PDB file of N, CA and C in Angstrom:
ATOM      1  N   MET A   1     103.495 124.981 103.386  1.00  0.00           N
ATOM      2  CA  MET A   1     104.305 123.714 103.101  1.00  0.00           C
ATOM      3  C   MET A   1     105.146 123.631 101.981  1.00  0.00           C
ATOM      4  N   ILE A   2     105.886 122.368 102.307  1.00  0.00           N
ATOM      5  CA  ILE A   2     106.767 122.163 101.283  1.00  0.00           C
ATOM      6  C   ILE A   2     106.530 121.502  99.862  1.00  0.00           C
ATOM      7  N   ALA A   3     106.364 121.636  98.961  1.00  0.00           N
ATOM      8  CA  ALA A   3     106.002 120.595  97.787  1.00  0.00           C
ATOM      9  C   ALA A   3     107.061 119.647  97.644  1.00  0.00           C
ATOM     10  N   ALA A   4     106.432 118.644  97.478  1.00  0.00           N
ATOM     11  CA  ALA A   4     107.412 117.302  97.208  1.00  0.00           C
ATOM     12  C   ALA A   4     107.447 116.960  95.712  1.00  0.00           C
ATOM     13  N   ARG A   5     108.564 116.655  95.153  1.00  0.00           N
ATOM     14  CA  ARG A   5     108.397 116.307  93.794  1.00  0.00           C
ATOM     15  C   ARG A   5     108.700 114.867  93.799  1.00  0.00           C
ATOM     16  N   VAL A   6     107.073 114.251  92.939  1.00  0.00           N
ATOM     17  CA  VAL A   6     107.124 113.025  93.110  1.00  0.00           C
ATOM     18  C   VAL A   6     107.124 112.524  91.652  1.00  0.00           C
ATOM     19  N   MET A   7     107.965 111.199  91.571  1.00  0.00           N
ATOM     20  CA  MET A   7     107.914 110.263  90.232  1.00  0.00           C
ATOM     21  C   MET A   7     106.794 109.312  90.295  1.00  0.00           C
ATOM     22  N   ILE A   8     106.104 109.201  89.175  1.00  0.00           N
ATOM     23  CA  ILE A   8     105.226 108.227  89.178  1.00  0.00           C
ATOM     24  C   ILE A   8     105.994 107.296  87.988  1.00  0.00           C
ATOM     25  N   VAL A   9     105.731 105.915  88.541  1.00  0.00           N
ATOM     26  CA  VAL A   9     106.332 104.777  87.576  1.00  0.00           C
ATOM     27  C   VAL A   9     105.070 103.960  87.394  1.00  0.00           C
ATOM     28  N   GLU A  10     104.518 103.764  86.495  1.00  0.00           N
ATOM     29  CA  GLU A  10     102.874 103.347  86.113  1.00  0.00           C
ATOM     30  C   GLU A  10     102.707 103.048  84.822  1.00  0.00           C
ATOM     31  N   ASP A  11     102.738 101.438  84.308  1.00  0.00           N
ATOM     32  CA  ASP A  11     102.436 101.317  82.960  1.00  0.00           C
ATOM     33  C   ASP A  11     101.231 101.512  82.431  1.00  0.00           C
ATOM     34  N   GLU A  12     100.285 101.851  83.436  1.00  0.00           N
ATOM     35  CA  GLU A  12      98.821 101.972  83.172  1.00  0.00           C
ATOM     36  C   GLU A  12      98.253 103.305  83.056  1.00  0.00           C
ATOM     37  N   ALA A  13      98.328 104.064  81.681  1.00  0.00           N
ATOM     38  CA  ALA A  13      98.357 105.424  81.647  1.00  0.00           C
ATOM     39  C   ALA A  13      97.432 106.158  82.147  1.00  0.00           C
ATOM     40  N   ILE A  14      96.065 105.600  82.180  1.00  0.00           N
ATOM     41  CA  ILE A  14      95.064 106.182  83.013  1.00  0.00           C
ATOM     42  C   ILE A  14      95.065 106.171  84.508  1.00  0.00           C
ATOM     43  N   THR A  15      95.858 105.109  85.293  1.00  0.00           N
ATOM     44  CA  THR A  15      96.094 105.274  86.667  1.00  0.00           C
ATOM     45  C   THR A  15      97.376 106.452  86.921  1.00  0.00           C
ATOM     46  N   ALA A  16      98.242 106.135  85.963  1.00  0.00           N
ATOM     47  CA  ALA A  16      99.261 107.359  86.074  1.00  0.00           C
ATOM     48  C   ALA A  16      98.609 108.915  86.217  1.00  0.00           C
ATOM     49  N   MET A  17      97.758 109.176  85.364  1.00  0.00           N
ATOM     50  CA  MET A  17      97.025 110.353  85.345  1.00  0.00           C
ATOM     51  C   MET A  17      96.009 110.792  86.575  1.00  0.00           C
ATOM     52  N   ALA A  18      95.432 109.497  87.062  1.00  0.00           N
ATOM     53  CA  ALA A  18      94.668 109.652  88.012  1.00  0.00           C
ATOM     54  C   ALA A  18      95.915 110.205  89.493  1.00  0.00           C
ATOM     55  N   THR A  19      96.756 109.516  89.515  1.00  0.00           N
ATOM     56  CA  THR A  19      97.562 109.545  90.529  1.00  0.00           C
ATOM     57  C   THR A  19      98.067 110.852  90.495  1.00  0.00           C
ATOM     58  N   GLY A  20      98.896 111.527  89.204  1.00  0.00           N
ATOM     59  CA  GLY A  20      99.406 112.669  89.145  1.00  0.00           C
ATOM     60  C   GLY A  20      98.294 113.683  89.777  1.00  0.00           C
ATOM     61  N   ALA A  21      96.854 113.387  89.294  1.00  0.00           N
ATOM     62  CA  ALA A  21      95.768 114.616  89.692  1.00  0.00           C
ATOM     63  C   ALA A  21      95.452 114.722  91.067  1.00  0.00           C
ATOM     64  N   MET A  22      95.908 113.350  91.671  1.00  0.00           N
ATOM     65  CA  MET A  22      95.655 113.369  93.193  1.00  0.00           C
ATOM     66  C   MET A  22      96.884 114.386  93.529  1.00  0.00           C
ATOM     67  N   ILE A  23      98.405 114.060  93.021  1.00  0.00           N
ATOM     68  CA  ILE A  23      99.552 114.493  93.595  1.00  0.00           C
ATOM     69  C   ILE A  23      99.443 116.109  93.743  1.00  0.00           C
ATOM     70  N   LYS A  24      98.797 116.434  92.508  1.00  0.00           N
ATOM     71  CA  LYS A  24      98.626 117.903  92.450  1.00  0.00           C
ATOM     72  C   LYS A  24      97.564 118.830  93.209  1.00  0.00           C
ATOM     73  N   ARG A  25      96.636 117.969  93.119  1.00  0.00           N
ATOM     74  CA  ARG A  25      95.525 118.207  94.322  1.00  0.00           C
ATOM     75  C   ARG A  25      95.993 118.498  95.365  1.00  0.00           C
ATOM     76  N   LEU A  26      96.904 117.755  95.839  1.00  0.00           N
ATOM     77  CA  LEU A  26      97.394 117.860  97.067  1.00  0.00           C
ATOM     78  C   LEU A  26      98.875 118.856  97.368  1.00  0.00           C
ATOM     79  N   GLY A  27      98.651 119.547  96.339  1.00  0.00           N
ATOM     80  CA  GLY A  27      99.881 120.748  96.525  1.00  0.00           C
ATOM     81  C   GLY A  27     101.380 120.366  96.200  1.00  0.00           C
ATOM     82  N   HIS A  28     101.270 119.177  95.476  1.00  0.00           N
ATOM     83  CA  HIS A  28     102.907 118.604  95.233  1.00  0.00           C
ATOM     84  C   HIS A  28     103.317 118.786  93.735  1.00  0.00           C
ATOM     85  N   VAL A  29     104.198 118.174  93.006  1.00  0.00           N
ATOM     86  CA  VAL A  29     104.560 118.242  91.888  1.00  0.00           C
ATOM     87  C   VAL A  29     105.168 116.862  91.312  1.00  0.00           C
ATOM     88  N   VAL A  30     104.565 116.523  89.908  1.00  0.00           N
ATOM     89  CA  VAL A  30     104.908 115.343  89.392  1.00  0.00           C
ATOM     90  C   VAL A  30     106.151 115.508  88.922  1.00  0.00           C
ATOM     91  N   SER A  31     107.068 115.134  89.063  1.00  0.00           N
ATOM     92  CA  SER A  31     108.673 115.454  88.539  1.00  0.00           C
ATOM     93  C   SER A  31     108.699 114.479  87.027  1.00  0.00           C
ATOM     94  N   ALA A  32     107.673 113.473  86.740  1.00  0.00           N
ATOM     95  CA  ALA A  32     108.211 112.611  85.961  1.00  0.00           C
ATOM     96  C   ALA A  32     107.059 111.703  86.017  1.00  0.00           C
ATOM     97  N   ALA A  33     106.542 111.076  85.159  1.00  0.00           N
ATOM     98  CA  ALA A  33     105.475 109.634  84.708  1.00  0.00           C
ATOM     99  C   ALA A  33     105.776 108.989  83.698  1.00  0.00           C
ATOM    100  N   VAL A  34     106.099 107.952  84.153  1.00  0.00           N
ATOM    101  CA  VAL A  34     106.884 106.944  83.162  1.00  0.00           C
ATOM    102  C   VAL A  34     106.330 105.193  83.216  1.00  0.00           C
ATOM    103  N   GLY A  35     106.325 104.470  82.509  1.00  0.00           N
ATOM    104  CA  GLY A  35     105.989 103.762  82.145  1.00  0.00           C
ATOM    105  C   GLY A  35     106.868 101.993  82.186  1.00  0.00           C
ATOM    106  N   THR A  36     108.195 102.215  81.990  1.00  0.00           N
ATOM    107  CA  THR A  36     109.136 101.081  82.326  1.00  0.00           C
ATOM    108  C   THR A  36     109.868 101.413  83.243  1.00  0.00           C
ATOM    109  N   GLY A  37     110.743 100.327  83.355  1.00  0.00           N
ATOM    110  CA  GLY A  37     111.666 100.486  84.782  1.00  0.00           C
ATOM    111  C   GLY A  37     112.941 101.028  84.047  1.00  0.00           C
ATOM    112  N   GLN A  38     113.117 101.106  82.974  1.00  0.00           N
ATOM    113  CA  GLN A  38     114.518 101.693  82.094  1.00  0.00           C
ATOM    114  C   GLN A  38     114.053 103.351  82.205  1.00  0.00           C
ATOM    115  N   ASP A  39     112.951 103.783  81.535  1.00  0.00           N
ATOM    116  CA  ASP A  39     112.591 105.042  81.601  1.00  0.00           C
ATOM    117  C   ASP A  39     112.593 105.609  83.005  1.00  0.00           C
ATOM    118  N   ALA A  40     112.074 104.920  83.880  1.00  0.00           N
ATOM    119  CA  ALA A  40     112.153 105.336  85.600  1.00  0.00           C
ATOM    120  C   ALA A  40     113.569 105.860  86.007  1.00  0.00           C
ATOM    121  N   LEU A  41     114.552 104.676  85.471  1.00  0.00           N
ATOM    122  CA  LEU A  41     115.966 105.079  85.891  1.00  0.00           C
ATOM    123  C   LEU A  41     116.565 106.230  85.176  1.00  0.00           C
ATOM    124  N   ASP A  42     116.089 106.309  83.797  1.00  0.00           N
ATOM    125  CA  ASP A  42     116.596 107.462  83.287  1.00  0.00           C
ATOM    126  C   ASP A  42     115.978 108.624  83.788  1.00  0.00           C
ATOM    127  N   ALA A  43     114.721 108.622  83.849  1.00  0.00           N
ATOM    128  CA  ALA A  43     114.081 109.981  84.677  1.00  0.00           C
ATOM    129  C   ALA A  43     114.612 110.248  86.296  1.00  0.00           C
ATOM    130  N   PHE A  44     114.756 109.214  87.006  1.00  0.00           N
ATOM    131  CA  PHE A  44     115.511 109.531  88.190  1.00  0.00           C
ATOM    132  C   PHE A  44     116.859 109.843  88.487  1.00  0.00           C
ATOM    133  N   ARG A  45     117.808 109.646  87.406  1.00  0.00           N
ATOM    134  CA  ARG A  45     119.078 109.982  87.420  1.00  0.00           C
ATOM    135  C   ARG A  45     118.737 111.548  86.993  1.00  0.00           C
ATOM    136  N   ARG A  46     118.140 111.960  86.074  1.00  0.00           N
ATOM    137  CA  ARG A  46     118.064 113.380  85.460  1.00  0.00           C
ATOM    138  C   ARG A  46     117.211 114.231  86.620  1.00  0.00           C
ATOM    139  N   GLN A  47     116.223 113.952  87.129  1.00  0.00           N
ATOM    140  CA  GLN A  47     115.551 114.674  88.285  1.00  0.00           C
ATOM    141  C   GLN A  47     115.608 114.441  89.706  1.00  0.00           C
ATOM    142  N   ARG A  48     115.942 113.580  90.568  1.00  0.00           N
ATOM    143  CA  ARG A  48     115.995 113.109  91.409  1.00  0.00           C
ATOM    144  C   ARG A  48     114.725 113.918  92.536  1.00  0.00           C
ATOM    145  N   PRO A  49     114.007 113.020  91.898  1.00  0.00           N
ATOM    146  CA  PRO A  49     112.515 113.223  92.978  1.00  0.00           C
ATOM    147  C   PRO A  49     112.491 113.061  94.402  1.00  0.00           C
ATOM    148  N   ASP A  50     111.559 113.730  94.910  1.00  0.00           N
ATOM    149  CA  ASP A  50     111.668 113.191  96.591  1.00  0.00           C
ATOM    150  C   ASP A  50     110.960 111.940  96.925  1.00  0.00           C
ATOM    151  N   LEU A  51     110.156 111.528  96.167  1.00  0.00           N
ATOM    152  CA  LEU A  51     109.529 110.311  96.317  1.00  0.00           C
ATOM    153  C   LEU A  51     109.185 109.731  95.058  1.00  0.00           C
ATOM    154  N   VAL A  52     109.387 108.434  94.831  1.00  0.00           N
ATOM    155  CA  VAL A  52     109.061 107.698  93.881  1.00  0.00           C
ATOM    156  C   VAL A  52     107.790 106.644  94.275  1.00  0.00           C
ATOM    157  N   LEU A  53     106.774 106.666  93.267  1.00  0.00           N
ATOM    158  CA  LEU A  53     105.573 105.791  93.524  1.00  0.00           C
ATOM    159  C   LEU A  53     105.569 104.762  92.409  1.00  0.00           C
ATOM    160  N   MET A  54     106.167 103.578  92.660  1.00  0.00           N
ATOM    161  CA  MET A  54     106.246 102.589  91.653  1.00  0.00           C
ATOM    162  C   MET A  54     105.618 101.462  91.608  1.00  0.00           C
ATOM    163  N   ASP A  55     104.873 101.091  90.487  1.00  0.00           N
ATOM    164  CA  ASP A  55     103.943 100.286  90.308  1.00  0.00           C
ATOM    165  C   ASP A  55     104.771  98.796  90.156  1.00  0.00           C
ATOM    166  N   ILE A  56     104.425  97.810  90.706  1.00  0.00           N
ATOM    167  CA  ILE A  56     105.485  96.358  90.723  1.00  0.00           C
ATOM    168  C   ILE A  56     105.601  95.672  89.214  1.00  0.00           C
ATOM    169  N   ARG A  57     104.361  95.623  88.674  1.00  0.00           N
ATOM    170  CA  ARG A  57     104.176  95.361  87.225  1.00  0.00           C
ATOM    171  C   ARG A  57     104.666  96.495  86.351  1.00  0.00           C
ATOM    172  N   LEU A  58     105.390  96.523  85.680  1.00  0.00           N
ATOM    173  CA  LEU A  58     105.383  97.175  84.570  1.00  0.00           C
ATOM    174  C   LEU A  58     106.009  96.627  83.331  1.00  0.00           C
ATOM    175  N   ASP A  59     106.028  97.556  82.110  1.00  0.00           N
ATOM    176  CA  ASP A  59     106.278  97.126  80.859  1.00  0.00           C
ATOM    177  C   ASP A  59     107.920  97.002  80.562  1.00  0.00           C
ATOM    178  N   GLY A  60     108.106  96.207  79.749  1.00  0.00           N
ATOM    179  CA  GLY A  60     109.722  96.128  79.584  1.00  0.00           C
ATOM    180  C   GLY A  60     110.266  94.913  80.470  1.00  0.00           C
ATOM    181  N   ASP A  61     111.780  95.030  80.590  1.00  0.00           N
ATOM    182  CA  ASP A  61     112.543  94.177  81.151  1.00  0.00           C
ATOM    183  C   ASP A  61     112.692  94.247  82.592  1.00  0.00           C
ATOM    184  N   LEU A  62     112.661  95.350  83.213  1.00  0.00           N
ATOM    185  CA  LEU A  62     112.489  95.597  84.660  1.00  0.00           C
ATOM    186  C   LEU A  62     111.211  95.521  85.484  1.00  0.00           C
ATOM    187  N   ASP A  63     110.962  94.705  86.444  1.00  0.00           N
ATOM    188  CA  ASP A  63     109.754  95.219  86.718  1.00  0.00           C
ATOM    189  C   ASP A  63     110.333  96.179  88.161  1.00  0.00           C
ATOM    190  N   GLY A  64     108.989  96.703  88.919  1.00  0.00           N
ATOM    191  CA  GLY A  64     109.345  97.652  89.791  1.00  0.00           C
ATOM    192  C   GLY A  64     109.992  97.377  90.927  1.00  0.00           C
ATOM    193  N   ILE A  65     110.061  96.160  91.188  1.00  0.00           N
ATOM    194  CA  ILE A  65     110.850  95.893  92.338  1.00  0.00           C
ATOM    195  C   ILE A  65     112.588  95.686  91.942  1.00  0.00           C
ATOM    196  N   GLU A  66     112.771  95.465  90.928  1.00  0.00           N
ATOM    197  CA  GLU A  66     114.032  95.377  90.559  1.00  0.00           C
ATOM    198  C   GLU A  66     114.432  96.784  89.782  1.00  0.00           C
ATOM    199  N   THR A  67     113.646  97.611  89.654  1.00  0.00           N
ATOM    200  CA  THR A  67     114.105  99.090  89.383  1.00  0.00           C
ATOM    201  C   THR A  67     114.196  99.762  90.473  1.00  0.00           C
ATOM    202  N   ALA A  68     113.574  99.389  91.542  1.00  0.00           N
ATOM    203  CA  ALA A  68     114.014 100.284  92.536  1.00  0.00           C
ATOM    204  C   ALA A  68     115.126  99.600  93.449  1.00  0.00           C
ATOM    205  N   LYS A  69     115.453  98.476  93.298  1.00  0.00           N
ATOM    206  CA  LYS A  69     116.822  98.123  93.675  1.00  0.00           C
ATOM    207  C   LYS A  69     117.839  98.825  93.280  1.00  0.00           C
ATOM    208  N   LEU A  70     117.600  99.071  91.948  1.00  0.00           N
ATOM    209  CA  LEU A  70     118.727  99.973  90.838  1.00  0.00           C
ATOM    210  C   LEU A  70     118.764 101.181  91.496  1.00  0.00           C
ATOM    211  N   MET A  71     117.657 102.112  91.931  1.00  0.00           N
ATOM    212  CA  MET A  71     117.580 103.322  91.944  1.00  0.00           C
ATOM    213  C   MET A  71     118.226 103.466  93.806  1.00  0.00           C
ATOM    214  N   ARG A  72     118.017 102.320  94.491  1.00  0.00           N
ATOM    215  CA  ARG A  72     118.387 102.634  95.844  1.00  0.00           C
ATOM    216  C   ARG A  72     120.116 101.985  96.017  1.00  0.00           C
ATOM    217  N   ARG A  73     120.748 101.843  94.892  1.00  0.00           N
ATOM    218  CA  ARG A  73     122.162 101.491  95.054  1.00  0.00           C
ATOM    219  C   ARG A  73     122.858 102.762  95.073  1.00  0.00           C
ATOM    220  N   ASP A  74     122.474 104.012  94.617  1.00  0.00           N
ATOM    221  CA  ASP A  74     123.122 105.080  94.609  1.00  0.00           C
ATOM    222  C   ASP A  74     122.447 106.226  95.340  1.00  0.00           C
ATOM    223  N   SER A  75     121.126 105.841  96.022  1.00  0.00           N
ATOM    224  CA  SER A  75     120.266 107.281  96.621  1.00  0.00           C
ATOM    225  C   SER A  75     119.333 106.485  97.494  1.00  0.00           C
ATOM    226  N   ASN A  76     119.102 107.152  98.546  1.00  0.00           N
ATOM    227  CA  ASN A  76     117.990 107.204  99.497  1.00  0.00           C
ATOM    228  C   ASN A  76     117.000 107.407  99.231  1.00  0.00           C
ATOM    229  N   VAL A  77     116.342 107.731  97.989  1.00  0.00           N
ATOM    230  CA  VAL A  77     115.233 108.605  97.837  1.00  0.00           C
ATOM    231  C   VAL A  77     113.995 107.427  98.089  1.00  0.00           C
ATOM    232  N   PRO A  78     113.118 107.725  98.967  1.00  0.00           N
ATOM    233  CA  PRO A  78     111.997 106.784  99.383  1.00  0.00           C
ATOM    234  C   PRO A  78     111.064 106.208  97.963  1.00  0.00           C
ATOM    235  N   VAL A  79     111.035 105.136  98.160  1.00  0.00           N
ATOM    236  CA  VAL A  79     110.389 104.357  97.005  1.00  0.00           C
ATOM    237  C   VAL A  79     109.038 103.641  97.795  1.00  0.00           C
ATOM    238  N   VAL A  80     107.915 104.015  97.350  1.00  0.00           N
ATOM    239  CA  VAL A  80     106.642 103.120  97.650  1.00  0.00           C
ATOM    240  C   VAL A  80     106.099 102.468  96.721  1.00  0.00           C
ATOM    241  N   PHE A  81     105.983 101.287  96.992  1.00  0.00           N
ATOM    242  CA  PHE A  81     105.308 100.623  96.020  1.00  0.00           C
ATOM    243  C   PHE A  81     103.754 100.441  96.187  1.00  0.00           C
ATOM    244  N   VAL A  82     103.157 100.701  94.741  1.00  0.00           N
ATOM    245  CA  VAL A  82     101.743 100.720  94.677  1.00  0.00           C
ATOM    246  C   VAL A  82     101.454  99.649  93.736  1.00  0.00           C
ATOM    247  N   SER A  83     100.474  98.673  94.207  1.00  0.00           N
ATOM    248  CA  SER A  83     100.160  97.481  93.324  1.00  0.00           C
ATOM    249  C   SER A  83      99.038  96.675  93.840  1.00  0.00           C
ATOM    250  N   ALA A  84      98.255  96.239  92.961  1.00  0.00           N
ATOM    251  CA  ALA A  84      96.880  95.358  93.231  1.00  0.00           C
ATOM    252  C   ALA A  84      97.237  94.034  93.494  1.00  0.00           C
ATOM    253  N   PHE A  85      98.660  93.709  93.273  1.00  0.00           N
ATOM    254  CA  PHE A  85      99.174  92.285  93.874  1.00  0.00           C
ATOM    255  C   PHE A  85      99.792  92.305  95.494  1.00  0.00           C
ATOM    256  N   VAL A  86      99.213  92.112  96.330  1.00  0.00           N
ATOM    257  CA  VAL A  86      99.447  92.435  97.618  1.00  0.00           C
ATOM    258  C   VAL A  86      99.760  91.017  98.515  1.00  0.00           C
ATOM    259  N   ASP A  87     100.082  89.852  97.924  1.00  0.00           N
ATOM    260  CA  ASP A  87     100.276  88.623  98.566  1.00  0.00           C
ATOM    261  C   ASP A  87     101.307  88.892  99.245  1.00  0.00           C
ATOM    262  N   ASP A  88     101.748  87.954 100.014  1.00  0.00           N
ATOM    263  CA  ASP A  88     103.069  87.993 101.314  1.00  0.00           C
ATOM    264  C   ASP A  88     104.242  88.076 100.236  1.00  0.00           C
ATOM    265  N   ALA A  89     104.438  87.073  99.458  1.00  0.00           N
ATOM    266  CA  ALA A  89     105.770  87.105  98.477  1.00  0.00           C
ATOM    267  C   ALA A  89     106.041  88.525  97.787  1.00  0.00           C
ATOM    268  N   THR A  90     104.649  88.857  97.068  1.00  0.00           N
ATOM    269  CA  THR A  90     105.440  90.051  96.723  1.00  0.00           C
ATOM    270  C   THR A  90     105.579  91.241  97.760  1.00  0.00           C
ATOM    271  N   ARG A  91     104.957  91.492  99.052  1.00  0.00           N
ATOM    272  CA  ARG A  91     105.563  92.313  99.923  1.00  0.00           C
ATOM    273  C   ARG A  91     106.766  92.208 100.562  1.00  0.00           C
ATOM    274  N   ASN A  92     107.314  90.657 100.547  1.00  0.00           N
ATOM    275  CA  ASN A  92     108.573  90.073 100.989  1.00  0.00           C
ATOM    276  C   ASN A  92     109.248  90.563  99.845  1.00  0.00           C
ATOM    277  N   ARG A  93     109.368  90.546  98.811  1.00  0.00           N
ATOM    278  CA  ARG A  93     110.514  90.939  97.535  1.00  0.00           C
ATOM    279  C   ARG A  93     110.617  92.679  98.025  1.00  0.00           C
ATOM    280  N   ALA A  94     109.448  93.556  97.857  1.00  0.00           N
ATOM    281  CA  ALA A  94     109.472  94.726  97.934  1.00  0.00           C
ATOM    282  C   ALA A  94     110.243  95.192  99.263  1.00  0.00           C
ATOM    283  N   ALA A  95     109.859  94.727 100.230  1.00  0.00           N
ATOM    284  CA  ALA A  95     110.844  94.885 101.542  1.00  0.00           C
ATOM    285  C   ALA A  95     112.104  94.807 101.361  1.00  0.00           C
ATOM    286  N   GLU A  96     112.453  93.548 100.488  1.00  0.00           N
ATOM    287  CA  GLU A  96     113.779  93.518 100.278  1.00  0.00           C
ATOM    288  C   GLU A  96     114.635  94.588  99.370  1.00  0.00           C
ATOM    289  N   ALA A  97     113.719  94.995  98.744  1.00  0.00           N
ATOM    290  CA  ALA A  97     114.251  96.202  97.636  1.00  0.00           C
ATOM    291  C   ALA A  97     114.414  97.595  98.880  1.00  0.00           C
ATOM    292  N   GLY A  98     114.079  97.599  99.863  1.00  0.00           N
ATOM    293  CA  GLY A  98     114.335  98.893 100.898  1.00  0.00           C
ATOM    294  C   GLY A  98     112.805  99.535 100.328  1.00  0.00           C
ATOM    295  N   SER A  99     111.766  99.359 100.254  1.00  0.00           N
ATOM    296  CA  SER A  99     110.949 100.181 100.101  1.00  0.00           C
ATOM    297  C   SER A  99     110.434 100.939 101.377  1.00  0.00           C
ATOM    298  N   PHE A 100     109.828 102.204 101.030  1.00  0.00           N
ATOM    299  CA  PHE A 100     109.420 102.773 102.243  1.00  0.00           C
ATOM    300  C   PHE A 100     108.436 102.701 102.949  1.00  0.00           C
ATOM    301  N   ASP A 101     107.339 102.302 101.831  1.00  0.00           N
ATOM    302  CA  ASP A 101     106.305 101.994 102.305  1.00  0.00           C
ATOM    303  C   ASP A 101     105.462 101.156 100.956  1.00  0.00           C
ATOM    304  N   PHE A 102     104.201 100.467 101.217  1.00  0.00           N
ATOM    305  CA  PHE A 102     103.205  99.666 100.347  1.00  0.00           C
ATOM    306  C   PHE A 102     102.244  99.856 100.261  1.00  0.00           C
ATOM    307  N   MET A 103     101.483 100.453  99.154  1.00  0.00           N
ATOM    308  CA  MET A 103     100.263 100.856  99.121  1.00  0.00           C
ATOM    309  C   MET A 103      99.305 100.031  97.988  1.00  0.00           C
ATOM    310  N   ALA A 104      98.263  99.946  98.449  1.00  0.00           N
ATOM    311  CA  ALA A 104      97.344  98.872  97.383  1.00  0.00           C
ATOM    312  C   ALA A 104      96.667  99.766  96.756  1.00  0.00           C
ATOM    313  N   LYS A 105      96.448  99.354  95.545  1.00  0.00           N
ATOM    314  CA  LYS A 105      95.610  99.887  94.432  1.00  0.00           C
ATOM    315  C   LYS A 105      94.168  99.617  94.581  1.00  0.00           C
ATOM    316  N   PRO A 106      93.153 100.008  94.118  1.00  0.00           N
ATOM    317  CA  PRO A 106      93.398 101.656  93.783  1.00  0.00           C
ATOM    318  C   PRO A 106      93.976 102.766  94.827  1.00  0.00           C
ATOM    319  N   LEU A 107      94.838 103.841  94.513  1.00  0.00           N
ATOM    320  CA  LEU A 107      95.290 104.394  95.599  1.00  0.00           C
ATOM    321  C   LEU A 107      94.064 105.400  96.157  1.00  0.00           C
ATOM    322  N   ASP A 108      93.941 105.860  97.475  1.00  0.00           N
ATOM    323  CA  ASP A 108      93.304 106.457  98.127  1.00  0.00           C
ATOM    324  C   ASP A 108      93.720 107.840  98.567  1.00  0.00           C
ATOM    325  N   GLU A 109      92.998 108.991  98.024  1.00  0.00           N
ATOM    326  CA  GLU A 109      93.924 110.505  98.078  1.00  0.00           C
ATOM    327  C   GLU A 109      94.309 110.647  99.535  1.00  0.00           C
ATOM    328  N   TYR A 110      93.324 110.059 100.531  1.00  0.00           N
ATOM    329  CA  TYR A 110      93.465 110.377 102.092  1.00  0.00           C
ATOM    330  C   TYR A 110      94.925 109.217 102.570  1.00  0.00           C
ATOM    331  N   ASP A 111      94.834 108.142 101.666  1.00  0.00           N
ATOM    332  CA  ASP A 111      96.168 107.661 102.325  1.00  0.00           C
ATOM    333  C   ASP A 111      97.376 108.354 101.283  1.00  0.00           C
ATOM    334  N   LEU A 112      97.385 108.614 100.402  1.00  0.00           N
ATOM    335  CA  LEU A 112      98.452 109.293  99.736  1.00  0.00           C
ATOM    336  C   LEU A 112      98.730 110.449 100.571  1.00  0.00           C
ATOM    337  N   LYS A 113      97.830 111.625 100.781  1.00  0.00           N
ATOM    338  CA  LYS A 113      98.173 112.643 101.700  1.00  0.00           C
ATOM    339  C   LYS A 113      98.658 112.448 103.136  1.00  0.00           C
ATOM    340  N   ASP A 114      98.619 111.288 103.713  1.00  0.00           N
ATOM    341  CA  ASP A 114      99.184 111.217 105.296  1.00  0.00           C
ATOM    342  C   ASP A 114     100.300 110.227 104.777  1.00  0.00           C
ATOM    343  N   LEU A 115     100.817 109.740 103.383  1.00  0.00           N
ATOM    344  CA  LEU A 115     102.027 109.204 103.152  1.00  0.00           C
ATOM    345  C   LEU A 115     102.988 110.461 102.864  1.00  0.00           C
ATOM    346  N   LEU A 116     102.477 111.593 102.078  1.00  0.00           N
ATOM    347  CA  LEU A 116     103.170 112.614 101.867  1.00  0.00           C
ATOM    348  C   LEU A 116     103.587 113.314 103.175  1.00  0.00           C
ATOM    349  N   ALA A 117     102.720 113.395 103.946  1.00  0.00           N
ATOM    350  CA  ALA A 117     102.924 114.008 105.140  1.00  0.00           C
ATOM    351  C   ALA A 117     104.240 113.340 106.151  1.00  0.00           C
ATOM    352  N   ARG A 118     104.028 112.253 106.093  1.00  0.00           N
ATOM    353  CA  ARG A 118     105.318 111.540 106.585  1.00  0.00           C
ATOM    354  C   ARG A 118     106.540 111.439 105.869  1.00  0.00           C
ATOM    355  N   LEU A 119     106.380 111.730 104.774  1.00  0.00           N
ATOM    356  CA  LEU A 119     107.592 112.034 103.873  1.00  0.00           C
ATOM    357  C   LEU A 119     108.301 113.243 104.308  1.00  0.00           C
ATOM    358  N   LEU A 120     107.450 114.508 103.776  1.00  0.00           N
ATOM    359  CA  LEU A 120     107.843 115.775 104.208  1.00  0.00           C
ATOM    360  C   LEU A 120     109.115 116.082 105.139  1.00  0.00           C
ATOM    361  N   PRO A 121     109.096 115.674 105.988  1.00  0.00           N
ATOM    362  CA  PRO A 121     110.191 115.900 107.257  1.00  0.00           C
ATOM    363  C   PRO A 121     111.427 115.349 106.376  1.00  0.00           C
ATOM    364  N   MET A 122     111.127 114.510 105.730  1.00  0.00           N
ATOM    365  CA  MET A 122     112.612 113.858 105.064  1.00  0.00           C
ATOM    366  C   MET A 122     113.411 114.602 103.868  1.00  0.00           C
ATOM    367  N   VAL A 123     112.314 115.429 103.199  1.00  0.00           N
ATOM    368  CA  VAL A 123     112.791 115.819 102.009  1.00  0.00           C
ATOM    369  C   VAL A 123     113.943 116.970 101.898  1.00  0.00           C
ATOM    370  N   GLY A 124     114.698 116.415 101.231  1.00  0.00           N
ATOM    371  CA  GLY A 124     116.084 117.319 101.580  1.00  0.00           C
ATOM    372  C   GLY A 124     117.376 116.074 102.212  1.00  0.00           C
ATOM    373  N   ASP A 125     116.720 115.112 102.821  1.00  0.00           N
ATOM    374  CA  ASP A 125     117.575 114.483 103.297  1.00  0.00           C
ATOM    375  C   ASP A 125     118.383 113.611 102.438  1.00  0.00           C
ATOM    376  N   HIS A 126     118.060 113.486 101.174  1.00  0.00           N
ATOM    377  CA  HIS A 126     118.813 112.400 100.384  1.00  0.00           C
ATOM    378  C   HIS A 126     119.477 112.975  99.121  1.00  0.00           C
TER     379      HIS A 126
END
């Protein structure tokens, strides 16, 4: 199995730790775990992950959707939004940012496993 490098963008430390633990249990690598849009952009440029799990509400000036739009300007790395806010307006904004998928919080390990299985054929295509 190819291990995917996953960046976690989440401003809640406990949630980020739990997500990281799930990723590791599934045999993948956490390339970075950051809590602001700007930190995400900096880490993204340095590390080029295979997947970004992006919370929509973040600390700082950039929310997750704005951050994803900036990432997508020069990369086709899949961004999956993870949020407790799943209303239609939020989903529409996420779709406009070119998201790969949208997952509701709390994350379910089986759903994450399925997502990573769909992603693996694309690893290396970006």
